[in-house]
Protein backbone atom coordinates (compact mmCIF):
# COMPACT_ATOMS: atom_id res chain seq x y z
CA UNK A 1 47.24 -2.87 -38.01
CA UNK A 2 49.15 -6.11 -38.47
CA UNK A 3 51.84 -5.25 -41.03
CA UNK A 4 53.50 -1.86 -41.24
CA UNK A 5 54.80 -0.06 -44.29
CA UNK A 6 58.59 -0.08 -44.48
CA UNK A 7 58.91 3.67 -44.99
CA UNK A 8 56.96 6.88 -45.56
CA UNK A 9 58.72 9.86 -47.14
CA UNK A 10 57.47 13.38 -46.34
CA UNK A 11 58.65 16.07 -48.77
CA UNK A 12 57.71 19.51 -47.44
CA UNK A 13 59.61 22.66 -46.46
CA UNK A 14 57.22 23.52 -43.61
CA UNK A 15 58.75 22.21 -40.37
CA UNK A 16 55.52 22.56 -38.39
CA UNK A 17 53.59 20.56 -41.00
CA UNK A 18 56.24 17.83 -41.00
CA UNK A 19 56.15 17.72 -37.21
CA UNK A 20 52.36 17.35 -37.13
CA UNK A 21 52.40 14.71 -39.86
CA UNK A 22 55.14 12.74 -38.10
CA UNK A 23 53.12 12.73 -34.87
CA UNK A 24 50.02 11.49 -36.70
CA UNK A 25 51.89 8.76 -38.60
CA UNK A 26 53.70 7.60 -35.45
CA UNK A 27 50.44 7.57 -33.50
CA UNK A 28 48.82 5.40 -36.17
CA UNK A 29 51.79 2.99 -36.07
CA UNK A 30 51.53 2.35 -39.80
CA UNK A 31 55.21 2.48 -40.79
CA UNK A 32 58.58 1.36 -39.52
CA UNK A 33 60.35 4.55 -40.62
CA UNK A 34 59.49 8.16 -41.48
CA UNK A 35 61.95 10.13 -43.60
CA UNK A 36 61.56 13.91 -43.93
CA UNK A 37 63.11 15.97 -46.71
CA UNK A 38 62.64 19.74 -46.98
CA UNK A 39 62.50 20.05 -50.77
CA UNK A 40 62.45 18.04 -53.97
CA UNK A 41 66.21 18.17 -54.43
CA UNK A 42 66.88 16.64 -51.00
CA UNK A 43 64.25 13.98 -51.70
CA UNK A 44 65.80 13.03 -55.04
CA UNK A 45 69.25 12.81 -53.48
CA UNK A 46 67.79 10.58 -50.78
CA UNK A 47 66.04 8.28 -53.27
CA UNK A 48 69.21 7.99 -55.34
CA UNK A 49 71.39 7.17 -52.30
CA UNK A 50 68.88 5.26 -50.17
CA UNK A 51 70.40 1.84 -50.93
CA UNK A 52 73.90 2.94 -49.97
CA UNK A 53 72.70 4.11 -46.55
CA UNK A 54 70.61 0.98 -46.00
CA UNK A 55 67.16 2.57 -45.97
CA UNK A 56 64.13 0.71 -47.34
CA UNK A 57 62.30 1.95 -50.40
CA UNK A 58 59.49 4.32 -49.45
CA UNK A 59 56.08 2.73 -49.80
CA UNK A 60 54.32 6.07 -49.59
CA UNK A 61 55.43 9.61 -50.46
CA UNK A 62 53.60 12.79 -49.46
CA UNK A 63 54.74 15.63 -51.72
CA UNK A 64 54.14 19.36 -51.30
CA UNK A 65 54.02 21.63 -54.37
CA UNK A 66 55.48 24.94 -53.25
CA UNK A 67 59.02 24.49 -51.90
CA UNK A 68 62.36 26.24 -52.37
CA UNK A 69 65.24 24.80 -54.46
CA UNK A 70 63.00 22.28 -56.24
CA UNK A 71 59.22 22.39 -56.06
CA UNK A 72 56.87 19.43 -56.31
CA UNK A 73 56.40 19.69 -60.07
CA UNK A 74 60.15 19.84 -60.68
CA UNK A 75 60.62 16.87 -58.34
CA UNK A 76 58.08 14.85 -60.34
CA UNK A 77 59.90 15.59 -63.61
CA UNK A 78 63.15 14.27 -62.16
CA UNK A 79 61.46 11.43 -60.28
CA UNK A 80 60.22 10.03 -63.59
CA UNK A 81 63.88 9.73 -64.72
CA UNK A 82 64.91 7.57 -61.75
CA UNK A 83 65.53 3.87 -62.19
CA UNK A 84 62.68 1.65 -61.00
CA UNK A 85 64.75 0.36 -58.07
CA UNK A 86 65.20 3.96 -56.89
CA UNK A 87 61.51 4.80 -57.19
CA UNK A 88 60.42 1.73 -55.32
CA UNK A 89 56.85 0.53 -55.17
CA UNK A 90 55.64 3.95 -54.25
CA UNK A 91 52.22 5.46 -53.84
CA UNK A 92 52.76 9.19 -54.33
CA UNK A 93 50.23 11.63 -52.94
CA UNK A 94 50.35 15.37 -53.52
CA UNK A 95 49.67 17.01 -50.16
CA UNK A 96 49.36 20.77 -50.46
CA UNK A 97 47.58 23.94 -49.44
CA UNK A 98 47.21 25.00 -53.07
CA UNK A 99 43.61 26.00 -53.80
CA UNK A 100 44.37 26.15 -57.53
CA UNK A 101 42.14 23.74 -59.53
CA UNK A 102 44.81 23.71 -62.25
CA UNK A 103 47.19 22.05 -59.80
CA UNK A 104 44.63 19.31 -59.15
CA UNK A 105 44.15 18.79 -62.90
CA UNK A 106 47.89 18.74 -63.51
CA UNK A 107 48.42 16.17 -60.75
CA UNK A 108 45.60 14.01 -62.10
CA UNK A 109 47.34 13.92 -65.51
CA UNK A 110 50.64 12.64 -64.12
CA UNK A 111 51.16 8.88 -64.09
CA UNK A 112 53.34 8.95 -60.96
CA UNK A 113 50.72 10.76 -58.84
CA UNK A 114 48.12 8.60 -57.11
CA UNK A 115 46.14 11.38 -55.47
CA UNK A 116 45.84 15.03 -54.51
CA UNK A 117 44.94 15.97 -50.93
CA UNK A 118 44.79 19.22 -48.99
CA UNK A 119 46.94 19.73 -45.90
CA UNK A 120 47.00 18.91 -43.14
CA UNK A 121 47.02 15.15 -43.27
CA UNK A 122 44.34 13.73 -41.00
CA UNK A 123 43.79 10.31 -39.46
CA UNK A 124 40.82 9.80 -41.77
CA UNK A 125 42.82 10.75 -44.87
CA UNK A 126 45.73 8.48 -43.95
CA UNK A 127 43.40 5.60 -43.11
CA UNK A 128 41.63 5.96 -46.48
CA UNK A 129 44.98 6.03 -48.35
CA UNK A 130 46.22 2.95 -46.51
CA UNK A 131 42.97 1.07 -47.12
CA UNK A 132 42.87 1.99 -50.81
CA UNK A 133 46.50 1.36 -51.69
CA UNK A 134 47.87 -1.05 -49.09
CA UNK A 135 44.90 -3.17 -47.97
CA UNK A 136 46.63 -6.38 -49.11
CA UNK A 137 49.70 -5.52 -47.00
CA UNK A 138 47.93 -4.49 -43.80
């Protein structure tokens, strides 16, 4: 991989899942920075303050649905209200264990969501996402 993404944001309350996903992303050497937030509220606060702390805009967000404080759907409602400079040039993927087909349909109907995948993230899944959405950058 010649060029790396600037940043990947993981939004998930499961520490073990975040740990596994961080290992995979680091092993693939596809980003300069991985940011982990444990719920939608923390992620929104991060996106709103990211410039003041000098972090790059996330290129890719992996979002869980079921989380405390603010779940994935609530996050998406608030995310849509952010200024474009706060959202960045983001590809947003729902990454969940939800077997509910209604969740897949709901995600498909949202403009901000680029895809719906089941956890855990795999090398093959990440490679496919990078090839589909970032081929011109890699």
